[in-house]
N, C-alpha and C. Protein backbone atom coordinates (compact mmCIF):
# COMPACT_ATOMS: atom_id res chain seq x y z
N MET A 1 5.69 5.04 18.56
CA MET A 1 6.62 4.18 17.88
C MET A 1 5.88 3.45 16.76
N GLY A 2 6.52 3.29 15.63
CA GLY A 2 5.92 2.59 14.50
C GLY A 2 6.00 1.08 14.66
N ARG A 3 5.39 0.38 13.70
CA ARG A 3 5.43 -1.07 13.73
C ARG A 3 5.60 -1.57 12.31
N ASP A 4 6.06 -2.81 12.18
CA ASP A 4 6.18 -3.37 10.85
C ASP A 4 4.89 -4.06 10.48
N CYS A 5 4.86 -4.72 9.31
CA CYS A 5 3.62 -5.33 8.83
C CYS A 5 3.14 -6.47 9.73
N CYS A 6 4.00 -6.96 10.61
CA CYS A 6 3.62 -8.04 11.52
C CYS A 6 3.24 -7.51 12.90
N GLY A 7 3.24 -6.20 13.05
CA GLY A 7 2.86 -5.60 14.33
C GLY A 7 4.00 -5.43 15.31
N GLN A 8 5.23 -5.77 14.91
CA GLN A 8 6.39 -5.64 15.79
C GLN A 8 6.86 -4.19 15.79
N SER A 9 7.36 -3.70 16.94
CA SER A 9 7.85 -2.33 16.98
C SER A 9 9.11 -2.23 16.13
N VAL A 10 9.33 -1.04 15.57
CA VAL A 10 10.45 -0.81 14.67
C VAL A 10 11.57 -0.14 15.45
N VAL A 11 12.76 -0.75 15.42
CA VAL A 11 13.93 -0.17 16.07
C VAL A 11 15.06 -0.11 15.06
N GLY A 12 16.02 0.78 15.31
CA GLY A 12 17.16 0.93 14.43
C GLY A 12 18.18 -0.17 14.65
N GLU A 13 19.28 -0.12 13.88
CA GLU A 13 20.32 -1.14 13.98
C GLU A 13 20.96 -1.15 15.35
N SER A 14 20.98 -0.01 16.03
CA SER A 14 21.58 0.08 17.35
C SER A 14 20.66 -0.48 18.43
N GLY A 15 19.44 -0.84 18.05
CA GLY A 15 18.48 -1.35 19.02
C GLY A 15 17.68 -0.25 19.69
N LYS A 16 17.92 0.99 19.31
CA LYS A 16 17.19 2.11 19.88
C LYS A 16 15.98 2.43 19.02
N GLU A 17 14.97 2.97 19.66
CA GLU A 17 13.77 3.39 18.93
C GLU A 17 14.12 4.46 17.92
N ILE A 18 13.51 4.38 16.75
CA ILE A 18 13.77 5.36 15.69
C ILE A 18 12.87 6.57 15.93
N LEU A 19 13.49 7.74 16.01
CA LEU A 19 12.76 8.98 16.22
C LEU A 19 11.91 9.29 15.00
N GLY A 20 10.81 9.97 15.21
CA GLY A 20 9.98 10.43 14.11
C GLY A 20 8.87 9.47 13.72
N LEU A 21 8.89 8.26 14.23
CA LEU A 21 7.82 7.32 13.91
C LEU A 21 6.59 7.63 14.75
N GLU A 22 5.44 7.48 14.16
CA GLU A 22 4.18 7.72 14.84
C GLU A 22 3.49 6.39 15.11
N PRO A 23 2.61 6.33 16.10
CA PRO A 23 1.93 5.06 16.43
C PRO A 23 1.19 4.42 15.25
N ALA A 24 0.68 5.23 14.34
CA ALA A 24 -0.09 4.70 13.21
C ALA A 24 0.80 4.24 12.05
N ASP A 25 2.10 4.52 12.11
CA ASP A 25 3.02 4.14 11.03
C ASP A 25 3.17 2.63 10.93
N VAL A 26 3.13 2.14 9.70
CA VAL A 26 3.44 0.74 9.41
C VAL A 26 4.64 0.76 8.49
N MET A 27 5.72 0.09 8.90
CA MET A 27 6.93 0.08 8.10
C MET A 27 6.70 -0.70 6.81
N VAL A 28 7.06 -0.10 5.68
CA VAL A 28 6.94 -0.75 4.39
C VAL A 28 8.30 -1.31 3.98
N ARG A 29 9.35 -0.51 4.09
CA ARG A 29 10.71 -0.97 3.77
C ARG A 29 11.73 0.08 4.17
N ARG A 30 12.99 -0.35 4.22
CA ARG A 30 14.10 0.58 4.39
C ARG A 30 14.46 1.13 3.02
N SER A 31 14.98 2.33 2.98
CA SER A 31 15.43 2.90 1.71
C SER A 31 16.68 2.15 1.26
N GLY A 32 16.99 2.27 -0.02
CA GLY A 32 18.15 1.57 -0.57
C GLY A 32 19.46 1.96 0.09
N ASP A 33 19.59 3.21 0.53
CA ASP A 33 20.82 3.66 1.17
C ASP A 33 20.83 3.41 2.68
N GLY A 34 19.71 2.91 3.22
CA GLY A 34 19.64 2.60 4.65
C GLY A 34 19.50 3.81 5.54
N GLN A 35 19.37 4.99 4.97
CA GLN A 35 19.29 6.22 5.76
C GLN A 35 17.89 6.56 6.22
N SER A 36 16.88 5.90 5.65
CA SER A 36 15.51 6.22 6.02
C SER A 36 14.64 4.97 5.94
N ILE A 37 13.45 5.11 6.52
CA ILE A 37 12.44 4.06 6.52
C ILE A 37 11.22 4.63 5.82
N LEU A 38 10.61 3.84 4.96
CA LEU A 38 9.36 4.24 4.32
C LEU A 38 8.22 3.59 5.07
N THR A 39 7.25 4.41 5.46
CA THR A 39 6.11 3.92 6.22
C THR A 39 4.82 4.31 5.50
N CYS A 40 3.75 3.65 5.88
CA CYS A 40 2.44 4.05 5.37
C CYS A 40 1.50 4.16 6.55
N GLN A 41 0.50 5.00 6.39
CA GLN A 41 -0.57 5.12 7.37
C GLN A 41 -1.78 5.74 6.71
N SER A 42 -2.91 5.47 7.31
CA SER A 42 -4.17 6.01 6.80
C SER A 42 -4.88 6.69 7.96
N ALA A 43 -4.63 7.98 8.08
CA ALA A 43 -5.18 8.72 9.21
C ALA A 43 -6.69 8.84 9.16
N ASP A 44 -7.25 9.11 7.97
CA ASP A 44 -8.69 9.32 7.88
C ASP A 44 -9.42 8.14 7.25
N ARG A 45 -8.74 7.01 7.05
CA ARG A 45 -9.29 5.79 6.47
C ARG A 45 -9.65 5.93 4.99
N LYS A 46 -9.46 7.10 4.41
CA LYS A 46 -9.74 7.29 2.99
C LYS A 46 -8.48 7.70 2.22
N THR A 47 -7.49 8.24 2.91
CA THR A 47 -6.26 8.71 2.29
C THR A 47 -5.08 7.90 2.82
N LEU A 48 -4.25 7.42 1.90
CA LEU A 48 -3.05 6.67 2.28
C LEU A 48 -1.85 7.59 2.15
N LEU A 49 -1.03 7.67 3.20
CA LEU A 49 0.18 8.48 3.17
C LEU A 49 1.39 7.55 3.20
N ILE A 50 2.29 7.73 2.24
CA ILE A 50 3.59 7.06 2.25
C ILE A 50 4.58 8.12 2.70
N THR A 51 5.31 7.83 3.78
CA THR A 51 6.19 8.81 4.40
C THR A 51 7.60 8.26 4.52
N ARG A 52 8.59 9.10 4.26
CA ARG A 52 9.99 8.75 4.46
C ARG A 52 10.42 9.34 5.81
N VAL A 53 10.97 8.49 6.68
CA VAL A 53 11.43 8.94 7.99
C VAL A 53 12.95 8.75 8.06
N ASP A 54 13.67 9.83 8.26
CA ASP A 54 15.13 9.77 8.37
C ASP A 54 15.48 9.12 9.70
N VAL A 55 16.26 8.03 9.67
CA VAL A 55 16.54 7.29 10.91
C VAL A 55 17.47 8.05 11.85
N ALA A 56 18.28 8.97 11.33
CA ALA A 56 19.20 9.72 12.18
C ALA A 56 18.53 10.90 12.86
N THR A 57 17.64 11.59 12.13
CA THR A 57 17.06 12.83 12.66
C THR A 57 15.59 12.72 13.04
N GLY A 58 14.89 11.73 12.48
CA GLY A 58 13.46 11.60 12.72
C GLY A 58 12.63 12.50 11.82
N LYS A 59 13.27 13.23 10.91
CA LYS A 59 12.55 14.12 10.01
C LYS A 59 11.64 13.31 9.09
N ARG A 60 10.39 13.77 8.93
CA ARG A 60 9.39 13.09 8.12
C ARG A 60 9.12 13.87 6.84
N GLN A 61 8.96 13.13 5.74
CA GLN A 61 8.62 13.75 4.46
C GLN A 61 7.60 12.86 3.76
N VAL A 62 6.44 13.43 3.44
CA VAL A 62 5.43 12.67 2.72
C VAL A 62 5.90 12.47 1.28
N VAL A 63 5.97 11.21 0.85
CA VAL A 63 6.43 10.86 -0.48
C VAL A 63 5.24 10.77 -1.44
N LYS A 64 4.14 10.23 -0.96
CA LYS A 64 2.96 10.04 -1.81
C LYS A 64 1.72 10.12 -0.93
N GLU A 65 0.72 10.82 -1.42
CA GLU A 65 -0.59 10.88 -0.78
C GLU A 65 -1.59 10.40 -1.82
N TRP A 66 -2.35 9.38 -1.48
CA TRP A 66 -3.25 8.79 -2.46
C TRP A 66 -4.64 8.63 -1.88
N THR A 67 -5.64 9.01 -2.69
CA THR A 67 -7.04 8.83 -2.35
C THR A 67 -7.73 8.25 -3.58
N PRO A 68 -8.56 7.22 -3.42
CA PRO A 68 -9.26 6.68 -4.59
C PRO A 68 -10.15 7.75 -5.23
N ALA A 69 -10.31 7.68 -6.55
CA ALA A 69 -11.17 8.64 -7.25
C ALA A 69 -12.59 8.56 -6.71
N ASP A 70 -13.06 7.36 -6.44
CA ASP A 70 -14.39 7.16 -5.86
C ASP A 70 -14.20 6.69 -4.42
N ARG A 71 -14.41 7.58 -3.47
CA ARG A 71 -14.17 7.25 -2.06
C ARG A 71 -15.35 6.56 -1.40
N ALA A 72 -16.44 6.40 -2.12
CA ALA A 72 -17.64 5.79 -1.54
C ALA A 72 -17.34 4.39 -1.03
N GLY A 73 -17.65 4.14 0.22
CA GLY A 73 -17.51 2.83 0.81
C GLY A 73 -16.11 2.44 1.25
N VAL A 74 -15.11 3.30 1.02
CA VAL A 74 -13.74 2.96 1.43
C VAL A 74 -13.67 2.99 2.95
N ILE A 75 -13.23 1.86 3.53
CA ILE A 75 -13.18 1.76 4.99
C ILE A 75 -11.76 1.64 5.53
N GLY A 76 -10.77 1.59 4.65
CA GLY A 76 -9.39 1.53 5.11
C GLY A 76 -8.50 0.81 4.13
N TYR A 77 -7.22 0.80 4.45
CA TYR A 77 -6.21 0.19 3.59
C TYR A 77 -5.66 -1.07 4.24
N ASP A 78 -5.39 -2.07 3.42
CA ASP A 78 -4.80 -3.32 3.91
C ASP A 78 -3.29 -3.19 4.05
N SER A 79 -2.64 -2.77 2.96
CA SER A 79 -1.19 -2.76 2.96
C SER A 79 -0.67 -1.90 1.82
N ALA A 80 0.62 -1.70 1.83
CA ALA A 80 1.30 -0.98 0.76
C ALA A 80 2.65 -1.63 0.54
N GLY A 81 3.17 -1.47 -0.65
CA GLY A 81 4.50 -1.97 -0.97
C GLY A 81 5.19 -0.97 -1.87
N ILE A 82 6.51 -0.91 -1.77
CA ILE A 82 7.30 0.02 -2.56
C ILE A 82 8.47 -0.74 -3.16
N SER A 83 8.73 -0.52 -4.44
CA SER A 83 9.86 -1.17 -5.09
C SER A 83 11.17 -0.65 -4.51
N ALA A 84 12.25 -1.40 -4.73
CA ALA A 84 13.56 -1.03 -4.18
C ALA A 84 14.02 0.33 -4.66
N ASP A 85 13.69 0.69 -5.90
CA ASP A 85 14.10 2.00 -6.42
C ASP A 85 13.14 3.12 -6.02
N GLY A 86 12.03 2.77 -5.35
CA GLY A 86 11.08 3.77 -4.87
C GLY A 86 10.18 4.34 -5.93
N LYS A 87 10.24 3.83 -7.15
CA LYS A 87 9.46 4.39 -8.25
C LYS A 87 8.08 3.75 -8.40
N THR A 88 7.88 2.58 -7.82
CA THR A 88 6.61 1.89 -7.95
C THR A 88 6.01 1.65 -6.57
N ILE A 89 4.77 2.07 -6.40
CA ILE A 89 4.06 1.89 -5.14
C ILE A 89 2.78 1.11 -5.44
N VAL A 90 2.52 0.09 -4.65
CA VAL A 90 1.27 -0.66 -4.77
C VAL A 90 0.56 -0.61 -3.43
N TYR A 91 -0.76 -0.67 -3.46
CA TYR A 91 -1.54 -0.65 -2.23
C TYR A 91 -2.87 -1.30 -2.48
N SER A 92 -3.48 -1.75 -1.42
CA SER A 92 -4.83 -2.32 -1.54
C SER A 92 -5.70 -1.68 -0.46
N TYR A 93 -6.97 -1.57 -0.78
CA TYR A 93 -7.89 -0.96 0.18
C TYR A 93 -9.19 -1.74 0.20
N ASN A 94 -9.94 -1.55 1.26
CA ASN A 94 -11.22 -2.22 1.45
C ASN A 94 -12.36 -1.26 1.14
N ARG A 95 -13.36 -1.81 0.47
CA ARG A 95 -14.54 -1.02 0.14
C ARG A 95 -15.77 -1.86 0.50
N VAL A 96 -16.73 -1.24 1.15
CA VAL A 96 -17.99 -1.89 1.46
C VAL A 96 -19.09 -1.09 0.78
N VAL A 97 -19.78 -1.73 -0.12
CA VAL A 97 -20.87 -1.07 -0.83
C VAL A 97 -22.11 -1.95 -0.77
N GLY A 98 -23.23 -1.36 -0.98
CA GLY A 98 -24.48 -2.11 -0.95
C GLY A 98 -25.53 -1.39 -1.78
N ASP A 99 -26.68 -1.97 -1.85
CA ASP A 99 -27.79 -1.37 -2.57
C ASP A 99 -28.92 -1.08 -1.59
N LEU A 100 -29.59 0.01 -1.80
CA LEU A 100 -30.72 0.40 -0.98
C LEU A 100 -31.92 0.52 -1.90
N TYR A 101 -32.97 -0.17 -1.57
CA TYR A 101 -34.19 -0.13 -2.39
C TYR A 101 -35.29 0.53 -1.60
N LEU A 102 -36.05 1.38 -2.25
CA LEU A 102 -37.20 2.03 -1.63
C LEU A 102 -38.43 1.50 -2.33
N LEU A 103 -39.27 0.86 -1.56
CA LEU A 103 -40.52 0.33 -2.09
C LEU A 103 -41.65 1.21 -1.61
N ASP A 104 -42.52 1.54 -2.53
CA ASP A 104 -43.62 2.41 -2.21
C ASP A 104 -44.92 1.75 -2.64
N GLY A 105 -45.95 1.85 -1.82
CA GLY A 105 -47.28 1.34 -2.17
C GLY A 105 -47.49 -0.12 -1.85
N LEU A 106 -46.64 -0.72 -1.03
CA LEU A 106 -46.86 -2.13 -0.65
C LEU A 106 -48.04 -2.24 0.31
N LYS A 107 -48.79 -3.34 0.19
CA LYS A 107 -49.91 -3.55 1.11
C LYS A 107 -49.82 -4.92 1.69
């Protein structure tokens, strides 16, 4: 079962669990027509998937798959947002980078 951004389980208007949601799904918003839910998840911590889940059938369709051009240090995604018309997607991710120095000839 999926969850919303606050960690609550996602249920349909009838109070029943929505088919097709996966445990890693985080609800982003309902579609404008109310027929589907848009979710995001990051299965491999480097790729963000935005998925449309039909509330009646549970059918899943990937809407957007995004990976940063430079994946170095990416440890996961914080959140995603989608505009009401579905044309604009925003997301944020965490990156941990550092410097490694090699010293030679120290005494």
